[in-house]
Amino acid sequence: MVKIRPKTKKIIEGNPVAFATVGNNKPYVIGTAYCRVVEKNKILITDNFMNSTIKNILENNNVALVAWDNKWNGVQIIGKAKYYKKGKWLDFVKNIEENNGMPSKGAILIKINKIIESK
């Protein structure tokens, strides 16, 4: 099982993240924030305004994330996404302080298959 190291967790949770999906056999990427490492191999992202991203995940759950800090320490994550419109993961994102006042329509849970870290 792939595990997120503390340094990688800090990069993911402390910086904007590029989030890539595939829809109609075409890549689609957005910037997002407020990602949380919720287990050693899982990341949770809030759906506040992700219409195309969610449509893509429901068609093809293969996703990728890229994040880096201001010293160019970076990480690429490859995984499978699952979308939640109710339950504990939605409750979790609704309680993230940064989501206060945001719609928090859903939660995207990413199970990590591969992590590539910069040196």
N, C-alpha and C. Protein backbone atom coordinates (compact mmCIF):
# COMPACT_ATOMS: atom_id res chain seq x y z
N MET A 1 0.84 -1.18 0.00
CA MET A 1 0.00 0.00 0.00
C MET A 1 0.89 1.25 0.00
N VAL A 2 0.51 2.23 -0.81
CA VAL A 2 1.20 3.51 -0.89
C VAL A 2 0.85 4.32 0.35
N LYS A 3 1.85 4.97 0.96
CA LYS A 3 1.61 5.80 2.14
C LYS A 3 2.15 7.20 1.93
N ILE A 4 1.39 8.18 2.39
CA ILE A 4 1.80 9.58 2.30
C ILE A 4 2.74 9.89 3.46
N ARG A 5 3.93 10.38 3.14
CA ARG A 5 4.90 10.78 4.15
C ARG A 5 4.51 12.14 4.73
N PRO A 6 4.97 12.47 5.94
CA PRO A 6 4.63 13.77 6.54
C PRO A 6 5.01 14.97 5.66
N LYS A 7 6.17 14.93 5.00
CA LYS A 7 6.59 16.03 4.12
C LYS A 7 5.61 16.19 2.96
N THR A 8 5.16 15.09 2.40
CA THR A 8 4.21 15.11 1.30
C THR A 8 2.86 15.64 1.77
N LYS A 9 2.43 15.21 2.95
CA LYS A 9 1.17 15.70 3.52
C LYS A 9 1.21 17.23 3.66
N LYS A 10 2.33 17.75 4.14
CA LYS A 10 2.47 19.19 4.33
C LYS A 10 2.35 19.93 2.99
N ILE A 11 2.94 19.38 1.94
CA ILE A 11 2.86 20.01 0.61
C ILE A 11 1.42 19.99 0.12
N ILE A 12 0.74 18.85 0.25
CA ILE A 12 -0.64 18.71 -0.23
C ILE A 12 -1.59 19.63 0.53
N GLU A 13 -1.48 19.67 1.84
CA GLU A 13 -2.44 20.42 2.65
C GLU A 13 -2.11 21.91 2.75
N GLY A 14 -0.88 22.30 2.42
CA GLY A 14 -0.48 23.68 2.61
C GLY A 14 -0.36 24.51 1.35
N ASN A 15 -0.73 23.96 0.20
CA ASN A 15 -0.53 24.66 -1.07
C ASN A 15 -1.69 24.38 -2.02
N PRO A 16 -1.89 25.27 -3.00
CA PRO A 16 -2.87 24.95 -4.05
C PRO A 16 -2.45 23.67 -4.78
N VAL A 17 -3.44 22.97 -5.29
CA VAL A 17 -3.21 21.69 -5.95
C VAL A 17 -3.83 21.71 -7.33
N ALA A 18 -3.11 21.22 -8.33
CA ALA A 18 -3.66 21.00 -9.66
C ALA A 18 -4.32 19.62 -9.64
N PHE A 19 -5.57 19.56 -10.07
CA PHE A 19 -6.38 18.34 -9.99
C PHE A 19 -6.84 17.99 -11.40
N ALA A 20 -6.38 16.85 -11.92
CA ALA A 20 -6.67 16.46 -13.30
C ALA A 20 -7.62 15.27 -13.35
N THR A 21 -8.59 15.38 -14.27
CA THR A 21 -9.53 14.30 -14.57
C THR A 21 -9.55 14.10 -16.08
N VAL A 22 -10.33 13.11 -16.52
CA VAL A 22 -10.48 12.86 -17.96
C VAL A 22 -11.97 12.76 -18.26
N GLY A 23 -12.41 13.49 -19.30
CA GLY A 23 -13.79 13.42 -19.75
C GLY A 23 -13.84 13.46 -21.25
N ASN A 24 -14.64 12.63 -21.86
CA ASN A 24 -14.71 12.54 -23.33
C ASN A 24 -13.33 12.32 -23.94
N ASN A 25 -12.52 11.50 -23.27
CA ASN A 25 -11.15 11.18 -23.71
C ASN A 25 -10.25 12.40 -23.81
N LYS A 26 -10.56 13.45 -23.05
CA LYS A 26 -9.75 14.66 -23.04
C LYS A 26 -9.37 15.00 -21.61
N PRO A 27 -8.13 15.45 -21.40
CA PRO A 27 -7.73 15.85 -20.06
C PRO A 27 -8.42 17.14 -19.64
N TYR A 28 -8.63 17.26 -18.34
CA TYR A 28 -9.26 18.44 -17.76
C TYR A 28 -8.56 18.70 -16.43
N VAL A 29 -8.11 19.91 -16.20
CA VAL A 29 -7.40 20.22 -14.96
C VAL A 29 -7.93 21.50 -14.35
N ILE A 30 -8.01 21.50 -13.02
CA ILE A 30 -8.43 22.68 -12.27
C ILE A 30 -7.46 22.90 -11.12
N GLY A 31 -7.50 24.08 -10.57
CA GLY A 31 -6.78 24.36 -9.34
C GLY A 31 -7.76 24.21 -8.18
N THR A 32 -7.29 23.66 -7.09
CA THR A 32 -8.14 23.51 -5.92
C THR A 32 -7.31 23.73 -4.66
N ALA A 33 -7.98 23.84 -3.56
CA ALA A 33 -7.32 24.02 -2.28
C ALA A 33 -8.08 23.22 -1.23
N TYR A 34 -7.61 23.27 -0.03
CA TYR A 34 -8.26 22.62 1.10
C TYR A 34 -8.30 21.10 0.96
N CYS A 35 -7.28 20.53 0.38
CA CYS A 35 -7.16 19.07 0.33
C CYS A 35 -6.73 18.60 1.72
N ARG A 36 -7.25 17.47 2.11
CA ARG A 36 -6.89 16.90 3.41
C ARG A 36 -6.48 15.44 3.23
N VAL A 37 -5.38 15.07 3.87
CA VAL A 37 -5.00 13.67 3.95
C VAL A 37 -5.83 13.09 5.08
N VAL A 38 -6.68 12.12 4.77
CA VAL A 38 -7.60 11.57 5.77
C VAL A 38 -7.22 10.17 6.21
N GLU A 39 -6.37 9.51 5.45
CA GLU A 39 -5.79 8.22 5.82
C GLU A 39 -4.41 8.17 5.18
N LYS A 40 -3.62 7.19 5.50
CA LYS A 40 -2.25 7.14 4.98
C LYS A 40 -2.17 7.04 3.47
N ASN A 41 -3.27 6.65 2.83
CA ASN A 41 -3.27 6.55 1.38
C ASN A 41 -4.53 7.16 0.75
N LYS A 42 -5.14 8.12 1.45
CA LYS A 42 -6.37 8.73 0.93
C LYS A 42 -6.35 10.25 1.15
N ILE A 43 -6.86 10.96 0.14
CA ILE A 43 -6.97 12.41 0.18
C ILE A 43 -8.42 12.78 -0.06
N LEU A 44 -8.89 13.79 0.66
CA LEU A 44 -10.26 14.26 0.52
C LEU A 44 -10.25 15.69 0.00
N ILE A 45 -11.07 15.96 -1.00
CA ILE A 45 -11.18 17.29 -1.61
C ILE A 45 -12.64 17.71 -1.58
N THR A 46 -12.89 18.97 -1.27
CA THR A 46 -14.25 19.51 -1.24
C THR A 46 -14.71 19.88 -2.65
N ASP A 47 -15.93 19.52 -2.97
CA ASP A 47 -16.58 20.00 -4.19
C ASP A 47 -17.39 21.23 -3.82
N ASN A 48 -16.86 22.40 -4.15
CA ASN A 48 -17.63 23.63 -3.99
C ASN A 48 -18.22 24.07 -5.32
N PHE A 49 -17.42 24.02 -6.38
CA PHE A 49 -17.86 24.53 -7.70
C PHE A 49 -17.37 23.63 -8.84
N MET A 50 -17.31 22.34 -8.66
CA MET A 50 -16.67 21.43 -9.62
C MET A 50 -17.66 20.70 -10.52
N ASN A 51 -18.34 21.36 -11.37
CA ASN A 51 -19.32 20.69 -12.23
C ASN A 51 -18.67 19.75 -13.24
N SER A 52 -17.75 20.22 -14.05
CA SER A 52 -17.11 19.38 -15.07
C SER A 52 -16.25 18.30 -14.42
N THR A 53 -15.55 18.64 -13.36
CA THR A 53 -14.70 17.66 -12.66
C THR A 53 -15.53 16.49 -12.15
N ILE A 54 -16.66 16.78 -11.55
CA ILE A 54 -17.50 15.70 -11.01
C ILE A 54 -18.07 14.85 -12.13
N LYS A 55 -18.51 15.48 -13.20
CA LYS A 55 -19.01 14.72 -14.35
C LYS A 55 -17.92 13.78 -14.86
N ASN A 56 -16.70 14.27 -14.95
CA ASN A 56 -15.58 13.43 -15.42
C ASN A 56 -15.32 12.26 -14.48
N ILE A 57 -15.32 12.52 -13.17
CA ILE A 57 -15.07 11.45 -12.20
C ILE A 57 -16.13 10.36 -12.29
N LEU A 58 -17.37 10.76 -12.51
CA LEU A 58 -18.44 9.76 -12.62
C LEU A 58 -18.31 8.92 -13.88
N GLU A 59 -17.66 9.47 -14.92
CA GLU A 59 -17.43 8.72 -16.16
C GLU A 59 -16.14 7.92 -16.11
N ASN A 60 -15.11 8.47 -15.47
CA ASN A 60 -13.78 7.86 -15.44
C ASN A 60 -13.12 8.29 -14.13
N ASN A 61 -12.96 7.37 -13.20
CA ASN A 61 -12.48 7.75 -11.88
C ASN A 61 -10.96 7.84 -11.73
N ASN A 62 -10.23 7.73 -12.83
CA ASN A 62 -8.78 7.92 -12.78
C ASN A 62 -8.47 9.40 -12.67
N VAL A 63 -7.66 9.77 -11.67
CA VAL A 63 -7.34 11.18 -11.43
C VAL A 63 -5.85 11.33 -11.12
N ALA A 64 -5.38 12.58 -11.20
CA ALA A 64 -4.01 12.91 -10.82
C ALA A 64 -4.02 14.26 -10.11
N LEU A 65 -3.13 14.40 -9.15
CA LEU A 65 -2.94 15.65 -8.43
C LEU A 65 -1.47 16.03 -8.51
N VAL A 66 -1.20 17.32 -8.57
CA VAL A 66 0.16 17.82 -8.48
C VAL A 66 0.15 19.00 -7.52
N ALA A 67 1.11 19.00 -6.59
CA ALA A 67 1.24 20.11 -5.65
C ALA A 67 2.72 20.39 -5.44
N TRP A 68 3.04 21.64 -5.11
CA TRP A 68 4.43 22.01 -4.84
C TRP A 68 4.43 23.20 -3.89
N ASP A 69 5.53 23.32 -3.15
CA ASP A 69 5.65 24.44 -2.23
C ASP A 69 6.49 25.56 -2.84
N ASN A 70 6.75 26.61 -2.07
CA ASN A 70 7.48 27.75 -2.60
C ASN A 70 8.97 27.49 -2.81
N LYS A 71 9.45 26.32 -2.40
CA LYS A 71 10.84 25.92 -2.67
C LYS A 71 10.90 24.88 -3.80
N TRP A 72 9.80 24.69 -4.48
CA TRP A 72 9.67 23.77 -5.60
C TRP A 72 9.80 22.29 -5.20
N ASN A 73 9.54 21.98 -3.94
CA ASN A 73 9.40 20.58 -3.53
C ASN A 73 8.01 20.17 -3.98
N GLY A 74 7.94 19.11 -4.76
CA GLY A 74 6.65 18.76 -5.34
C GLY A 74 6.29 17.30 -5.23
N VAL A 75 5.04 17.04 -5.55
CA VAL A 75 4.53 15.68 -5.51
C VAL A 75 3.46 15.52 -6.59
N GLN A 76 3.49 14.36 -7.24
CA GLN A 76 2.44 13.97 -8.17
C GLN A 76 1.78 12.73 -7.59
N ILE A 77 0.46 12.72 -7.62
CA ILE A 77 -0.30 11.60 -7.07
C ILE A 77 -1.24 11.08 -8.14
N ILE A 78 -1.23 9.78 -8.31
CA ILE A 78 -2.12 9.09 -9.25
C ILE A 78 -3.07 8.24 -8.41
N GLY A 79 -4.37 8.29 -8.73
CA GLY A 79 -5.29 7.49 -7.94
C GLY A 79 -6.65 7.34 -8.58
N LYS A 80 -7.55 6.82 -7.78
CA LYS A 80 -8.94 6.59 -8.18
C LYS A 80 -9.83 7.42 -7.26
N ALA A 81 -10.79 8.12 -7.85
CA ALA A 81 -11.66 9.01 -7.09
C ALA A 81 -13.06 8.42 -6.94
N LYS A 82 -13.67 8.73 -5.82
CA LYS A 82 -15.06 8.39 -5.59
C LYS A 82 -15.75 9.63 -5.05
N TYR A 83 -16.95 9.91 -5.55
CA TYR A 83 -17.68 11.12 -5.19
C TYR A 83 -18.77 10.79 -4.18
N TYR A 84 -18.87 11.63 -3.13
CA TYR A 84 -19.87 11.46 -2.08
C TYR A 84 -20.74 12.71 -1.97
N LYS A 85 -22.05 12.52 -2.07
CA LYS A 85 -23.01 13.61 -1.90
C LYS A 85 -23.66 13.58 -0.52
N LYS A 86 -23.34 12.56 0.28
CA LYS A 86 -23.85 12.46 1.64
C LYS A 86 -22.92 11.55 2.44
N GLY A 87 -23.14 11.54 3.73
CA GLY A 87 -22.37 10.66 4.60
C GLY A 87 -21.19 11.33 5.28
N LYS A 88 -20.32 10.49 5.85
CA LYS A 88 -19.25 11.01 6.71
C LYS A 88 -18.25 11.89 5.97
N TRP A 89 -17.97 11.59 4.70
CA TRP A 89 -16.99 12.41 3.98
C TRP A 89 -17.55 13.79 3.66
N LEU A 90 -18.82 13.87 3.32
CA LEU A 90 -19.43 15.19 3.11
C LEU A 90 -19.47 15.96 4.43
N ASP A 91 -19.83 15.30 5.51
CA ASP A 91 -19.84 15.95 6.81
C ASP A 91 -18.43 16.47 7.16
N PHE A 92 -17.42 15.68 6.84
CA PHE A 92 -16.04 16.08 7.12
C PHE A 92 -15.69 17.38 6.40
N VAL A 93 -15.95 17.46 5.09
CA VAL A 93 -15.57 18.67 4.35
C VAL A 93 -16.40 19.88 4.78
N LYS A 94 -17.65 19.65 5.15
CA LYS A 94 -18.48 20.77 5.60
C LYS A 94 -17.93 21.37 6.90
N ASN A 95 -17.18 20.59 7.66
CA ASN A 95 -16.63 21.07 8.92
C ASN A 95 -15.21 21.61 8.82
N ILE A 96 -14.63 21.63 7.62
CA ILE A 96 -13.32 22.25 7.44
C ILE A 96 -13.51 23.76 7.54
N GLU A 97 -12.73 24.39 8.38
CA GLU A 97 -12.88 25.83 8.63
C GLU A 97 -12.86 26.66 7.35
N GLU A 98 -11.98 26.33 6.42
CA GLU A 98 -11.87 27.10 5.18
C GLU A 98 -13.12 27.00 4.31
N ASN A 99 -13.94 25.99 4.51
CA ASN A 99 -15.17 25.83 3.74
C ASN A 99 -16.34 26.59 4.34
N ASN A 100 -16.14 27.27 5.45
CA ASN A 100 -17.21 28.04 6.08
C ASN A 100 -17.74 29.07 5.08
N GLY A 101 -19.05 29.03 4.84
CA GLY A 101 -19.67 29.94 3.89
C GLY A 101 -19.63 29.45 2.44
N MET A 102 -18.99 28.33 2.19
CA MET A 102 -18.92 27.75 0.84
C MET A 102 -20.03 26.71 0.70
N PRO A 103 -20.41 26.36 -0.54
CA PRO A 103 -21.52 25.43 -0.72
C PRO A 103 -21.25 24.00 -0.26
N SER A 104 -20.00 23.55 -0.33
CA SER A 104 -19.65 22.17 0.07
C SER A 104 -20.68 21.16 -0.41
N LYS A 105 -20.83 21.08 -1.75
CA LYS A 105 -21.85 20.22 -2.38
C LYS A 105 -21.54 18.74 -2.27
N GLY A 106 -20.26 18.40 -2.16
CA GLY A 106 -19.87 17.00 -2.13
C GLY A 106 -18.43 16.86 -1.71
N ALA A 107 -18.00 15.61 -1.62
CA ALA A 107 -16.63 15.29 -1.23
C ALA A 107 -16.06 14.28 -2.22
N ILE A 108 -14.80 14.48 -2.58
CA ILE A 108 -14.10 13.58 -3.48
C ILE A 108 -13.03 12.87 -2.68
N LEU A 109 -13.14 11.56 -2.56
CA LEU A 109 -12.15 10.77 -1.86
C LEU A 109 -11.25 10.09 -2.89
N ILE A 110 -9.97 10.33 -2.78
CA ILE A 110 -9.00 9.76 -3.72
C ILE A 110 -8.17 8.71 -3.01
N LYS A 111 -8.24 7.48 -3.52
CA LYS A 111 -7.38 6.40 -3.03
C LYS A 111 -6.13 6.41 -3.90
N ILE A 112 -5.00 6.58 -3.27
CA ILE A 112 -3.74 6.75 -3.99
C ILE A 112 -3.18 5.41 -4.46
N ASN A 113 -2.80 5.36 -5.73
CA ASN A 113 -2.14 4.19 -6.30
C ASN A 113 -0.63 4.40 -6.44
N LYS A 114 -0.23 5.67 -6.64
CA LYS A 114 1.19 5.95 -6.87
C LYS A 114 1.50 7.39 -6.45
N ILE A 115 2.67 7.56 -5.83
CA ILE A 115 3.17 8.88 -5.45
C ILE A 115 4.55 9.06 -6.07
N ILE A 116 4.74 10.19 -6.74
CA ILE A 116 6.04 10.53 -7.31
C ILE A 116 6.46 11.85 -6.67
N GLU A 117 7.55 11.82 -5.90
CA GLU A 117 8.01 13.00 -5.19
C GLU A 117 9.26 13.56 -5.86
N SER A 118 9.36 14.89 -5.86
CA SER A 118 10.58 15.52 -6.37
C SER A 118 11.67 15.33 -5.33
N LYS A 119 12.87 15.38 -5.77
CA LYS A 119 14.01 15.20 -4.84
C LYS A 119 14.39 16.50 -4.23
